[in-house]
Amino acid sequence: MTFDLVLQLLDSSVRLSTPLLLACLAGLYSERAGIFDIGLEGKMLIAAFFSASAAYATGNVWLGLLAGIASSMVFAALHGVASITFRGNQLISGVAINFLASGMTVVISQSWFSLGGRTPQLEGSGRFQDLTLPFAETLSGVPIFGPIYAELISGHSIIVYIAVLMVPLTWWVLYRTRFGLRLRAVGENPGAVDTAGISVIRMRFIAVLICGALCGIAGAYLATSLSAGFIREMSAGRGFIALAALIFAKWRPLYALMSCFLFGFLDAAGSIFQNIEVAGIEVPVQFMQALPYILTVVILAGFVGKAIPPRAGGEPYVKER
């Protein structure tokens, strides 16, 4: 394998792992507060649609990003009302969010654009452009380090860098702030938190809304950076893969970065190495494309019993009188 091919593979891995990382961190906030959320997929999908629609209508990708975040947070609030206020089943609520987003995006996009569930293609200021970091062109001729900096580190959209920066920020918030301590305590022992005079309901709603905001950024990235518009069901199971990555990461930010990059790497490998042979046998293209999903099943089967979730996760809190 040549050096250029390795760079191409790693570059694609970074791009493809970005929405997974944002969704994984979104689930991390929610589940650390005791709210299981399998509706990550639906929130990413609705955000992708509204971000692409707003970016096309206004010609401003930043307004598209805000529209994606807002729509995802509305869905997050619905999940919060169902699972926190009315103490409904969190898994059923998440499934409902996924079905609602899947149906709404197709119906509304067909009504607005009549393109079979797609939005018009985004161009120019309607998309996030790749950023060139300082000295990237100057250092590109330096052996080894130059191409790594110019092609792998530089040359991504701003959302990629936001996603990476969210990892240390999330670690700092969860483990070095009073808010993070309370958030983790709500997911482990909400009764003790309530006894200390802290509102469990409020903390859980904040966590759910943070989850919605991060899913909104992930969905906007799919439609305005990774692609040039919204495509029907374009989230393509990434929300579920992010959940598997979260379990694999044992609800820790740094491990989430590594596990999401692993999934992104396999996704990129499936796209680049579509015609390879092993021991003289040609590997089917479909198998390579299914690698991330196969890994999802393997991780869930092999690690779900070893990864210990927050103790109060999935349980509605009833205030003692």
Protein backbone atom coordinates (compact mmCIF):
# COMPACT_ATOMS: atom_id res chain seq x y z
CA MET A 1 0.00 0.00 0.00
CA THR A 2 1.47 3.31 -1.08
CA PHE A 3 1.84 6.35 1.17
CA ASP A 4 -0.64 8.33 -0.95
CA LEU A 5 -3.24 5.58 -0.63
CA VAL A 6 -2.77 5.48 3.15
CA LEU A 7 -3.29 9.25 3.28
CA GLN A 8 -6.43 8.95 1.17
CA LEU A 9 -7.77 6.21 3.43
CA LEU A 10 -7.07 8.17 6.62
CA ASP A 11 -8.50 11.37 5.13
CA SER A 12 -11.73 9.58 4.21
CA SER A 13 -11.80 7.99 7.67
CA VAL A 14 -11.70 11.41 9.34
CA ARG A 15 -14.52 12.74 7.16
CA LEU A 16 -16.73 9.68 7.62
CA SER A 17 -16.14 9.41 11.38
CA THR A 18 -17.12 13.04 12.06
CA PRO A 19 -20.93 12.57 12.11
CA LEU A 20 -20.46 9.38 14.14
CA LEU A 21 -18.34 11.22 16.70
CA LEU A 22 -20.83 14.06 17.09
CA ALA A 23 -23.74 11.63 17.47
CA CYS A 24 -21.73 9.48 19.88
CA LEU A 25 -20.95 12.48 22.10
CA ALA A 26 -24.62 13.46 21.89
CA GLY A 27 -25.62 10.06 23.21
CA LEU A 28 -22.90 10.33 25.85
CA TYR A 29 -24.46 13.44 27.40
CA SER A 30 -27.95 11.97 27.31
CA GLU A 31 -27.09 8.55 28.68
CA ARG A 32 -24.76 9.92 31.35
CA ALA A 33 -27.86 11.69 32.66
CA GLY A 34 -29.84 8.45 32.63
CA ILE A 35 -31.80 8.96 29.40
CA PHE A 36 -31.20 6.25 26.82
CA ASP A 37 -31.66 7.67 23.34
CA ILE A 38 -31.91 5.44 20.30
CA GLY A 39 -33.44 8.36 18.45
CA LEU A 40 -30.02 9.70 17.43
CA GLU A 41 -30.70 8.45 13.92
CA GLY A 42 -33.96 10.38 13.62
CA LYS A 43 -32.51 13.60 14.98
CA MET A 44 -29.59 13.44 12.56
CA LEU A 45 -31.99 12.82 9.67
CA ILE A 46 -34.36 15.68 10.47
CA ALA A 47 -31.39 18.01 10.99
CA ALA A 48 -29.89 16.99 7.64
CA PHE A 49 -33.14 17.81 5.87
CA PHE A 50 -33.82 21.18 7.47
CA SER A 51 -30.20 22.29 7.24
CA ALA A 52 -30.11 21.50 3.52
CA SER A 53 -33.51 23.14 2.97
CA ALA A 54 -32.56 26.31 4.83
CA ALA A 55 -29.14 26.50 3.17
CA TYR A 56 -30.75 26.17 -0.26
CA ALA A 57 -33.48 28.73 0.50
CA THR A 58 -31.16 31.34 1.98
CA GLY A 59 -27.88 30.53 0.27
CA ASN A 60 -26.24 30.69 3.71
CA VAL A 61 -24.82 27.48 5.14
CA TRP A 62 -24.64 28.93 8.66
CA LEU A 63 -28.39 29.54 8.65
CA GLY A 64 -28.72 25.97 7.44
CA LEU A 65 -26.65 24.79 10.39
CA LEU A 66 -28.86 26.75 12.82
CA ALA A 67 -31.98 25.29 11.21
CA GLY A 68 -30.57 21.78 11.58
CA ILE A 69 -29.70 22.32 15.23
CA ALA A 70 -33.12 23.85 15.97
CA SER A 71 -35.05 21.00 14.32
CA SER A 72 -32.99 18.38 16.11
CA MET A 73 -33.50 20.11 19.46
CA VAL A 74 -37.27 20.16 18.87
CA PHE A 75 -37.18 16.39 18.41
CA ALA A 76 -34.94 16.09 21.46
CA ALA A 77 -37.48 18.09 23.46
CA LEU A 78 -40.23 15.72 22.29
CA HIS A 79 -38.17 12.79 23.51
CA GLY A 80 -37.59 14.61 26.80
CA VAL A 81 -41.28 15.32 27.33
CA ALA A 82 -42.21 11.70 26.57
CA SER A 83 -39.49 10.05 28.65
CA ILE A 84 -38.89 12.60 31.44
CA THR A 85 -42.11 14.52 31.97
CA PHE A 86 -44.52 11.69 31.25
CA ARG A 87 -42.05 8.96 32.30
CA GLY A 88 -42.69 6.91 29.17
CA ASN A 89 -40.53 4.10 27.89
CA GLN A 90 -37.34 5.68 26.59
CA LEU A 91 -36.70 3.05 23.94
CA ILE A 92 -40.20 3.34 22.48
CA SER A 93 -39.89 7.12 22.44
CA GLY A 94 -36.61 6.85 20.56
CA VAL A 95 -38.10 4.48 18.00
CA ALA A 96 -41.01 6.89 17.51
CA ILE A 97 -38.55 9.73 16.88
CA ASN A 98 -36.81 7.67 14.20
CA PHE A 99 -40.05 6.77 12.42
CA LEU A 100 -41.35 10.33 12.64
CA ALA A 101 -38.18 11.79 11.17
CA SER A 102 -38.06 9.19 8.41
CA GLY A 103 -41.62 9.92 7.32
CA MET A 104 -41.53 13.69 7.75
CA THR A 105 -38.40 14.25 5.71
CA VAL A 106 -39.81 12.37 2.71
CA VAL A 107 -43.28 13.95 2.83
CA ILE A 108 -42.10 17.52 3.40
CA SER A 109 -39.26 17.34 0.87
CA GLN A 110 -41.63 16.00 -1.77
CA SER A 111 -44.12 18.75 -0.96
CA TRP A 112 -41.49 21.52 -1.07
CA PHE A 113 -39.18 20.39 -3.87
CA SER A 114 -40.93 17.53 -5.76
CA LEU A 115 -37.64 15.73 -6.27
CA GLY A 116 -38.54 12.32 -4.90
CA GLY A 117 -37.46 12.96 -1.32
CA ARG A 118 -34.37 15.01 -2.16
CA THR A 119 -33.47 18.66 -1.88
CA PRO A 120 -31.88 20.62 -4.74
CA GLN A 121 -28.10 20.43 -4.90
CA LEU A 122 -26.26 22.92 -2.74
CA GLU A 123 -23.55 25.07 -4.23
CA GLY A 124 -21.20 27.85 -3.19
CA SER A 125 -22.12 29.52 0.09
CA GLY A 126 -24.82 26.90 0.66
CA ARG A 127 -22.13 24.37 1.63
CA PHE A 128 -19.31 24.27 4.14
CA GLN A 129 -16.05 24.66 2.27
CA ASP A 130 -12.82 22.93 3.21
CA LEU A 131 -10.43 25.04 5.28
CA THR A 132 -6.73 25.36 4.51
CA LEU A 133 -4.74 25.64 7.71
CA PRO A 134 -1.79 28.06 7.99
CA PHE A 135 1.40 26.99 6.16
CA ALA A 136 -0.32 23.96 4.59
CA GLU A 137 0.77 24.88 1.07
CA THR A 138 4.26 25.89 2.22
CA LEU A 139 4.88 22.64 4.08
CA SER A 140 3.28 20.35 1.49
CA GLY A 141 6.67 19.66 -0.12
CA VAL A 142 8.28 18.46 3.11
CA PRO A 143 8.67 14.66 3.02
CA ILE A 144 6.21 12.66 5.16
CA PHE A 145 5.17 15.46 7.52
CA GLY A 146 4.21 17.89 4.73
CA PRO A 147 1.56 15.70 3.05
CA ILE A 148 0.22 14.60 6.44
CA TYR A 149 -0.30 18.20 7.52
CA ALA A 150 -1.48 19.51 4.14
CA GLU A 151 -3.81 16.65 3.18
CA LEU A 152 -4.77 14.86 6.39
CA ILE A 153 -4.83 17.55 9.08
CA SER A 154 -5.68 20.48 6.81
CA GLY A 155 -8.40 20.56 4.17
CA HIS A 156 -11.53 19.70 6.17
CA SER A 157 -14.68 21.66 6.86
CA ILE A 158 -14.96 23.57 10.11
CA ILE A 159 -17.38 20.99 11.53
CA VAL A 160 -14.64 18.35 11.47
CA TYR A 161 -12.48 20.51 13.72
CA ILE A 162 -15.47 21.32 15.94
CA ALA A 163 -16.14 17.60 16.37
CA VAL A 164 -12.54 16.90 17.39
CA LEU A 165 -12.50 19.84 19.83
CA MET A 166 -15.74 18.58 21.36
CA VAL A 167 -13.89 15.55 22.73
CA PRO A 168 -11.61 17.40 25.22
CA LEU A 169 -14.42 19.89 25.89
CA THR A 170 -16.79 17.06 26.79
CA TRP A 171 -14.16 15.47 29.03
CA TRP A 172 -13.61 18.80 30.80
CA VAL A 173 -17.34 19.43 31.23
CA LEU A 174 -18.08 15.96 32.58
CA TYR A 175 -15.08 15.52 34.86
CA ARG A 176 -13.89 19.01 35.79
CA THR A 177 -17.06 21.07 36.29
CA ARG A 178 -19.83 21.12 38.86
CA PHE A 179 -22.37 20.72 36.05
CA GLY A 180 -20.63 17.54 34.84
CA LEU A 181 -20.54 16.10 38.34
CA ARG A 182 -24.25 16.70 38.73
CA LEU A 183 -24.97 15.28 35.29
CA ARG A 184 -23.12 12.05 36.03
CA ALA A 185 -24.73 11.84 39.46
CA VAL A 186 -28.20 12.13 37.92
CA GLY A 187 -27.41 9.09 35.78
CA GLU A 188 -26.08 7.07 38.72
CA ASN A 189 -28.19 8.06 41.73
CA PRO A 190 -30.93 10.61 40.96
CA GLY A 191 -32.43 10.21 44.41
CA ALA A 192 -29.27 11.51 46.07
CA VAL A 193 -29.12 14.42 43.64
CA ASP A 194 -32.72 15.31 44.40
CA THR A 195 -32.01 15.15 48.14
CA ALA A 196 -29.21 17.67 47.62
CA GLY A 197 -31.74 20.13 46.22
CA ILE A 198 -30.82 19.74 42.54
CA SER A 199 -33.63 19.26 40.04
CA VAL A 200 -33.27 15.87 38.36
CA ILE A 201 -35.84 16.83 35.72
CA ARG A 202 -33.97 20.00 34.83
CA MET A 203 -30.60 18.28 34.57
CA ARG A 204 -32.00 15.54 32.36
CA PHE A 205 -33.71 18.04 30.06
CA ILE A 206 -30.46 19.98 29.69
CA ALA A 207 -28.64 16.77 28.78
CA VAL A 208 -31.31 15.82 26.24
CA LEU A 209 -31.17 19.27 24.62
CA ILE A 210 -27.35 19.12 24.42
CA CYS A 211 -27.81 15.76 22.73
CA GLY A 212 -30.20 17.38 20.26
CA ALA A 213 -27.77 20.21 19.47
CA LEU A 214 -24.89 17.81 18.75
CA CYS A 215 -27.12 15.59 16.59
CA GLY A 216 -28.15 18.73 14.74
CA ILE A 217 -24.53 19.54 13.92
CA ALA A 218 -23.97 15.94 12.81
CA GLY A 219 -27.00 16.01 10.52
CA ALA A 220 -26.03 19.39 9.08
CA TYR A 221 -22.56 18.03 8.35
CA LEU A 222 -24.06 15.13 6.39
CA ALA A 223 -26.13 17.41 4.14
CA THR A 224 -23.96 20.51 3.80
CA SER A 225 -20.41 19.19 3.95
CA LEU A 226 -20.14 15.45 3.34
CA SER A 227 -22.84 15.70 0.65
CA ALA A 228 -24.27 18.56 -1.39
CA GLY A 229 -27.86 18.34 -0.21
CA PHE A 230 -30.34 16.05 1.48
CA ILE A 231 -30.96 12.54 0.21
CA ARG A 232 -33.72 10.28 1.47
CA GLU A 233 -32.59 8.24 4.52
CA MET A 234 -29.09 9.70 4.18
CA SER A 235 -28.23 9.04 7.82
CA ALA A 236 -28.01 5.37 6.74
CA GLY A 237 -27.87 3.85 10.20
CA ARG A 238 -25.16 6.17 11.50
CA GLY A 239 -27.17 6.89 14.63
CA PHE A 240 -27.21 3.21 15.53
CA ILE A 241 -23.52 2.85 14.74
CA ALA A 242 -22.87 5.81 17.05
CA LEU A 243 -24.74 4.00 19.82
CA ALA A 244 -22.61 0.91 19.28
CA ALA A 245 -19.50 3.12 19.38
CA LEU A 246 -20.74 4.65 22.64
CA ILE A 247 -21.10 1.23 24.23
CA PHE A 248 -17.70 0.22 22.88
CA ALA A 249 -16.25 3.42 24.36
CA LYS A 250 -17.84 2.67 27.76
CA TRP A 251 -19.38 6.14 27.87
CA ARG A 252 -16.00 7.95 27.87
CA PRO A 253 -15.15 10.82 25.49
CA LEU A 254 -11.61 9.82 24.47
CA TYR A 255 -12.62 6.22 23.85
CA ALA A 256 -15.56 7.55 21.83
CA LEU A 257 -13.11 9.33 19.52
CA MET A 258 -11.14 6.14 18.94
CA SER A 259 -14.16 3.89 18.46
CA CYS A 260 -15.81 6.31 16.01
CA PHE A 261 -12.58 6.59 14.03
CA LEU A 262 -12.52 2.79 13.84
CA PHE A 263 -16.00 2.74 12.34
CA GLY A 264 -15.08 5.56 9.98
CA PHE A 265 -11.94 3.71 8.94
CA LEU A 266 -13.92 0.59 8.04
CA ASP A 267 -16.46 2.68 6.15
CA ALA A 268 -13.67 4.36 4.19
CA ALA A 269 -11.98 1.02 3.52
CA GLY A 270 -15.25 -0.37 2.21
CA SER A 271 -15.52 2.52 -0.24
CA ILE A 272 -11.89 2.54 -1.42
CA PHE A 273 -11.11 -1.18 -1.53
CA GLN A 274 -14.07 -2.45 -3.49
CA ASN A 275 -12.16 -4.83 -5.74
CA ILE A 276 -9.73 -6.78 -3.59
CA GLU A 277 -8.75 -10.43 -3.44
CA VAL A 278 -7.95 -12.58 -0.41
CA ALA A 279 -6.14 -15.87 -1.10
CA GLY A 280 -7.11 -15.57 -4.76
CA ILE A 281 -10.79 -15.06 -3.99
CA GLU A 282 -12.38 -11.75 -4.89
CA VAL A 283 -14.15 -10.17 -1.92
CA PRO A 284 -17.68 -9.02 -2.86
CA VAL A 285 -18.21 -5.26 -2.93
CA GLN A 286 -21.28 -5.68 -0.73
CA PHE A 287 -19.20 -7.27 2.01
CA MET A 288 -16.78 -4.34 2.07
CA GLN A 289 -19.63 -1.85 2.21
CA ALA A 290 -21.25 -3.80 5.05
CA LEU A 291 -18.09 -3.84 7.21
CA PRO A 292 -19.17 -1.01 9.58
CA TYR A 293 -22.53 -2.67 10.17
CA ILE A 294 -20.95 -6.08 10.70
CA LEU A 295 -18.64 -4.52 13.28
CA THR A 296 -21.68 -2.95 14.97
CA VAL A 297 -23.24 -6.38 15.49
CA VAL A 298 -19.94 -7.87 16.68
CA ILE A 299 -19.40 -5.08 19.21
CA LEU A 300 -22.94 -5.22 20.54
CA ALA A 301 -22.72 -9.00 20.87
CA GLY A 302 -19.27 -9.02 22.44
CA PHE A 303 -19.18 -5.90 24.60
CA VAL A 304 -22.72 -5.10 25.70
CA GLY A 305 -22.32 -7.43 28.68
CA LYS A 306 -18.95 -5.97 29.69
CA ALA A 307 -19.71 -2.28 29.30
CA ILE A 308 -21.61 -1.10 32.37
CA PRO A 309 -24.02 1.76 31.62
CA PRO A 310 -25.08 4.42 34.15
CA ARG A 311 -27.03 2.67 36.89
CA ALA A 312 -30.13 4.82 36.58
CA GLY A 313 -30.12 4.70 32.80
CA GLY A 314 -33.46 4.01 31.20
CA GLU A 315 -35.39 4.43 34.45
CA PRO A 316 -37.84 7.33 34.84
CA TYR A 317 -37.34 9.24 38.07
CA VAL A 318 -40.26 9.57 40.44
CA LYS A 319 -39.73 12.16 43.14
CA GLU A 320 -40.22 10.73 46.63
CA ARG A 321 -42.67 12.57 48.86
